[in-house]
């Protein structure tokens, strides 16, 4: 079980390092630089370009629900990993 825990911790560490690199790249850009298309993942669409099509609204609602579900699943997984890591680090008598 320690090998699986170590592998999971390594994957989380790599993902966090990649995220940190992306954040540093974005912070290093000058304010006058043109915006990156995916610069703000969570920004809502401006109201003048927001679709009034019911199909689009339903798709957006489904994507938002999937995002919430994924977030909850990741939170549960992180809690489980923390629990496993704390069990592995307890001193033995």
N, C-alpha and C. Protein backbone atom coordinates (compact mmCIF):
# COMPACT_ATOMS: atom_id res chain seq x y z
N UNK A 1 0.82 -1.19 0.00
CA UNK A 1 0.00 0.00 0.00
C UNK A 1 0.87 1.25 0.00
N UNK A 2 2.03 1.17 0.59
CA UNK A 2 2.92 2.33 0.62
C UNK A 2 3.34 2.71 -0.80
N UNK A 3 3.55 1.71 -1.68
CA UNK A 3 3.93 2.02 -3.06
C UNK A 3 2.82 2.78 -3.78
N UNK A 4 1.57 2.37 -3.58
CA UNK A 4 0.45 3.06 -4.22
C UNK A 4 0.32 4.48 -3.67
N UNK A 5 0.52 4.62 -2.37
CA UNK A 5 0.43 5.94 -1.75
C UNK A 5 1.54 6.84 -2.27
N UNK A 6 2.73 6.30 -2.37
CA UNK A 6 3.86 7.07 -2.88
C UNK A 6 3.63 7.47 -4.33
N UNK A 7 3.12 6.54 -5.13
CA UNK A 7 2.84 6.86 -6.54
C UNK A 7 1.77 7.94 -6.64
N UNK A 8 0.73 7.85 -5.83
CA UNK A 8 -0.33 8.87 -5.85
C UNK A 8 0.23 10.22 -5.42
N UNK A 9 1.05 10.22 -4.38
CA UNK A 9 1.65 11.47 -3.91
C UNK A 9 2.53 12.07 -5.00
N UNK A 10 3.29 11.24 -5.70
CA UNK A 10 4.13 11.73 -6.79
C UNK A 10 3.30 12.35 -7.91
N UNK A 11 2.18 11.72 -8.24
CA UNK A 11 1.31 12.27 -9.29
C UNK A 11 0.73 13.62 -8.86
N UNK A 12 0.31 13.71 -7.61
CA UNK A 12 -0.23 14.98 -7.11
C UNK A 12 0.87 16.04 -7.12
N UNK A 13 2.07 15.68 -6.70
CA UNK A 13 3.18 16.63 -6.71
C UNK A 13 3.48 17.12 -8.12
N UNK A 14 3.47 16.22 -9.11
CA UNK A 14 3.72 16.62 -10.50
C UNK A 14 2.62 17.55 -11.00
N UNK A 15 1.38 17.24 -10.67
CA UNK A 15 0.26 18.08 -11.10
C UNK A 15 0.36 19.47 -10.48
N UNK A 16 0.71 19.53 -9.20
CA UNK A 16 0.86 20.82 -8.53
C UNK A 16 2.02 21.61 -9.12
N UNK A 17 3.10 20.94 -9.46
CA UNK A 17 4.25 21.62 -10.07
C UNK A 17 3.87 22.19 -11.43
N UNK A 18 3.11 21.42 -12.22
CA UNK A 18 2.67 21.91 -13.53
C UNK A 18 1.75 23.12 -13.37
N UNK A 19 0.86 23.06 -12.40
CA UNK A 19 -0.03 24.18 -12.14
C UNK A 19 0.75 25.41 -11.70
N UNK A 20 1.73 25.21 -10.84
CA UNK A 20 2.54 26.33 -10.37
C UNK A 20 3.31 26.95 -11.54
N UNK A 21 3.85 26.12 -12.44
CA UNK A 21 4.55 26.67 -13.61
C UNK A 21 3.62 27.53 -14.45
N UNK A 22 2.39 27.05 -14.67
CA UNK A 22 1.42 27.80 -15.47
C UNK A 22 1.09 29.13 -14.81
N UNK A 23 0.89 29.12 -13.50
CA UNK A 23 0.60 30.36 -12.78
C UNK A 23 1.77 31.33 -12.89
N UNK A 24 2.98 30.83 -12.73
CA UNK A 24 4.16 31.71 -12.84
C UNK A 24 4.30 32.28 -14.24
N UNK A 25 3.99 31.46 -15.26
CA UNK A 25 4.04 31.97 -16.63
C UNK A 25 3.03 33.09 -16.83
N UNK A 26 1.84 32.91 -16.29
CA UNK A 26 0.81 33.94 -16.43
C UNK A 26 1.19 35.21 -15.67
N UNK A 27 1.77 35.05 -14.50
CA UNK A 27 2.17 36.21 -13.71
C UNK A 27 3.32 36.96 -14.36
N UNK A 28 4.16 36.26 -15.10
CA UNK A 28 5.33 36.87 -15.73
C UNK A 28 4.96 37.70 -16.96
N UNK A 29 3.76 37.50 -17.47
CA UNK A 29 3.33 38.26 -18.65
C UNK A 29 3.11 39.72 -18.28
N UNK A 30 3.57 40.64 -19.13
CA UNK A 30 3.32 42.06 -18.84
C UNK A 30 1.83 42.37 -18.96
N UNK A 31 1.39 43.38 -18.23
CA UNK A 31 -0.03 43.75 -18.24
C UNK A 31 -0.47 44.20 -19.63
N UNK A 32 0.46 44.71 -20.41
CA UNK A 32 0.11 45.20 -21.75
C UNK A 32 0.03 44.08 -22.78
N UNK A 33 0.41 42.87 -22.40
CA UNK A 33 0.38 41.75 -23.33
C UNK A 33 -1.07 41.40 -23.66
N UNK A 34 -1.29 40.91 -24.89
CA UNK A 34 -2.66 40.53 -25.24
C UNK A 34 -3.13 39.36 -24.37
N UNK A 35 -4.42 39.32 -24.13
CA UNK A 35 -4.99 38.27 -23.28
C UNK A 35 -4.82 36.91 -23.94
N UNK A 36 -4.63 35.92 -23.11
CA UNK A 36 -4.57 34.53 -23.58
C UNK A 36 -6.01 34.03 -23.64
N UNK A 37 -6.33 33.25 -24.64
CA UNK A 37 -7.71 32.80 -24.83
C UNK A 37 -8.24 32.08 -23.60
N UNK A 38 -7.41 31.26 -22.97
CA UNK A 38 -7.87 30.50 -21.79
C UNK A 38 -7.29 31.08 -20.50
N UNK A 39 -7.08 32.40 -20.49
CA UNK A 39 -6.46 33.06 -19.36
C UNK A 39 -7.27 32.91 -18.08
N UNK A 40 -8.59 32.94 -18.18
CA UNK A 40 -9.42 32.85 -16.99
C UNK A 40 -10.45 31.74 -17.20
N UNK A 41 -10.15 30.60 -16.69
CA UNK A 41 -10.99 29.42 -16.87
C UNK A 41 -12.38 29.61 -16.31
N UNK A 42 -12.50 30.39 -15.23
CA UNK A 42 -13.77 30.50 -14.52
C UNK A 42 -14.53 31.79 -14.84
N UNK A 43 -14.03 32.56 -15.79
CA UNK A 43 -14.72 33.80 -16.14
C UNK A 43 -16.02 33.48 -16.86
N UNK A 44 -17.05 34.23 -16.52
CA UNK A 44 -18.32 34.02 -17.22
C UNK A 44 -18.29 34.80 -18.53
N UNK A 45 -19.09 34.34 -19.46
CA UNK A 45 -19.15 34.99 -20.77
C UNK A 45 -19.81 36.36 -20.62
N UNK A 46 -19.32 37.36 -21.33
CA UNK A 46 -19.98 38.66 -21.29
C UNK A 46 -21.44 38.52 -21.73
N UNK A 47 -22.31 39.35 -21.19
CA UNK A 47 -23.74 39.21 -21.45
C UNK A 47 -24.09 39.43 -22.91
N UNK A 48 -23.31 40.25 -23.63
CA UNK A 48 -23.65 40.49 -25.04
C UNK A 48 -23.31 39.29 -25.92
N UNK A 49 -22.44 38.41 -25.47
CA UNK A 49 -22.10 37.22 -26.26
C UNK A 49 -22.71 35.96 -25.67
N UNK A 50 -23.37 36.08 -24.53
CA UNK A 50 -24.00 34.90 -23.92
C UNK A 50 -25.13 34.42 -24.81
N UNK A 51 -25.21 33.13 -24.96
CA UNK A 51 -26.22 32.55 -25.84
C UNK A 51 -27.57 32.50 -25.15
N UNK A 52 -28.60 32.79 -25.92
CA UNK A 52 -29.95 32.66 -25.38
C UNK A 52 -30.58 31.36 -25.86
N UNK A 53 -29.79 30.55 -26.56
CA UNK A 53 -30.27 29.26 -27.06
C UNK A 53 -30.45 28.29 -25.89
N UNK A 54 -31.63 27.70 -25.74
CA UNK A 54 -31.87 26.78 -24.62
C UNK A 54 -30.93 25.58 -24.64
N UNK A 55 -30.54 25.13 -25.82
CA UNK A 55 -29.62 24.00 -25.91
C UNK A 55 -28.27 24.36 -25.31
N UNK A 56 -27.79 25.57 -25.63
CA UNK A 56 -26.52 26.03 -25.07
C UNK A 56 -26.61 26.20 -23.56
N UNK A 57 -27.72 26.76 -23.09
CA UNK A 57 -27.89 26.94 -21.65
C UNK A 57 -27.92 25.59 -20.94
N UNK A 58 -28.58 24.61 -21.53
CA UNK A 58 -28.63 23.27 -20.93
C UNK A 58 -27.24 22.64 -20.91
N UNK A 59 -26.50 22.84 -22.00
CA UNK A 59 -25.13 22.29 -22.06
C UNK A 59 -24.24 22.95 -21.00
N UNK A 60 -24.38 24.25 -20.86
CA UNK A 60 -23.58 24.97 -19.85
C UNK A 60 -23.94 24.49 -18.46
N UNK A 61 -25.24 24.31 -18.20
CA UNK A 61 -25.68 23.82 -16.89
C UNK A 61 -25.13 22.42 -16.62
N UNK A 62 -25.13 21.57 -17.66
CA UNK A 62 -24.59 20.21 -17.50
C UNK A 62 -23.09 20.25 -17.23
N UNK A 63 -22.38 21.12 -17.92
CA UNK A 63 -20.93 21.25 -17.69
C UNK A 63 -20.64 21.77 -16.29
N UNK A 64 -21.44 22.74 -15.83
CA UNK A 64 -21.24 23.26 -14.48
C UNK A 64 -21.51 22.17 -13.44
N UNK A 65 -22.55 21.37 -13.65
CA UNK A 65 -22.85 20.27 -12.72
C UNK A 65 -21.72 19.25 -12.74
N UNK A 66 -21.21 18.94 -13.92
CA UNK A 66 -20.09 17.99 -14.01
C UNK A 66 -18.86 18.55 -13.31
N UNK A 67 -18.63 19.84 -13.42
CA UNK A 67 -17.51 20.47 -12.73
C UNK A 67 -17.65 20.38 -11.22
N UNK A 68 -18.87 20.60 -10.73
CA UNK A 68 -19.10 20.48 -9.29
C UNK A 68 -18.89 19.04 -8.83
N UNK A 69 -19.38 18.08 -9.62
CA UNK A 69 -19.19 16.67 -9.28
C UNK A 69 -17.71 16.30 -9.26
N UNK A 70 -16.99 16.77 -10.27
CA UNK A 70 -15.55 16.48 -10.34
C UNK A 70 -14.81 17.11 -9.17
N UNK A 71 -15.19 18.32 -8.81
CA UNK A 71 -14.57 18.99 -7.68
C UNK A 71 -14.81 18.22 -6.39
N UNK A 72 -16.03 17.77 -6.19
CA UNK A 72 -16.35 16.99 -4.99
C UNK A 72 -15.57 15.68 -4.97
N UNK A 73 -15.46 15.03 -6.13
CA UNK A 73 -14.72 13.77 -6.20
C UNK A 73 -13.24 13.98 -5.90
N UNK A 74 -12.68 15.07 -6.42
CA UNK A 74 -11.28 15.38 -6.14
C UNK A 74 -11.06 15.70 -4.67
N UNK A 75 -12.01 16.39 -4.06
CA UNK A 75 -11.91 16.69 -2.63
C UNK A 75 -11.93 15.40 -1.81
N UNK A 76 -12.81 14.48 -2.17
CA UNK A 76 -12.86 13.20 -1.45
C UNK A 76 -11.56 12.42 -1.63
N UNK A 77 -11.03 12.41 -2.85
CA UNK A 77 -9.78 11.71 -3.12
C UNK A 77 -8.62 12.33 -2.34
N UNK A 78 -8.59 13.66 -2.30
CA UNK A 78 -7.53 14.34 -1.54
C UNK A 78 -7.63 13.99 -0.06
N UNK A 79 -8.85 13.95 0.47
CA UNK A 79 -9.03 13.58 1.88
C UNK A 79 -8.55 12.15 2.13
N UNK A 80 -8.86 11.25 1.21
CA UNK A 80 -8.41 9.87 1.37
C UNK A 80 -6.90 9.78 1.31
N UNK A 81 -6.29 10.52 0.38
CA UNK A 81 -4.83 10.53 0.29
C UNK A 81 -4.20 11.08 1.57
N UNK A 82 -4.77 12.15 2.09
CA UNK A 82 -4.25 12.70 3.35
C UNK A 82 -4.34 11.66 4.46
N UNK A 83 -5.46 10.96 4.51
CA UNK A 83 -5.63 9.92 5.53
C UNK A 83 -4.60 8.81 5.37
N UNK A 84 -4.38 8.38 4.13
CA UNK A 84 -3.39 7.33 3.89
C UNK A 84 -1.99 7.80 4.24
N UNK A 85 -1.68 9.03 3.88
CA UNK A 85 -0.35 9.55 4.17
C UNK A 85 -0.13 9.70 5.67
N UNK A 86 -1.15 10.11 6.41
CA UNK A 86 -0.97 10.26 7.85
C UNK A 86 -0.84 8.90 8.52
N UNK A 87 -1.51 7.88 8.00
CA UNK A 87 -1.38 6.53 8.55
C UNK A 87 0.02 5.99 8.28
N UNK A 88 0.53 6.24 7.09
CA UNK A 88 1.87 5.75 6.73
C UNK A 88 2.96 6.43 7.54
N UNK A 89 2.72 7.65 8.02
CA UNK A 89 3.75 8.40 8.71
C UNK A 89 3.69 8.25 10.23
N UNK A 90 2.72 7.52 10.75
CA UNK A 90 2.64 7.33 12.19
C UNK A 90 3.82 6.47 12.65
N UNK A 91 4.48 6.88 13.73
CA UNK A 91 5.63 6.10 14.22
C UNK A 91 5.18 4.75 14.77
N UNK A 92 6.02 3.76 14.53
CA UNK A 92 5.74 2.42 15.06
C UNK A 92 6.47 2.23 16.37
N UNK A 93 5.85 1.53 17.29
CA UNK A 93 6.48 1.27 18.60
C UNK A 93 7.29 0.01 18.59
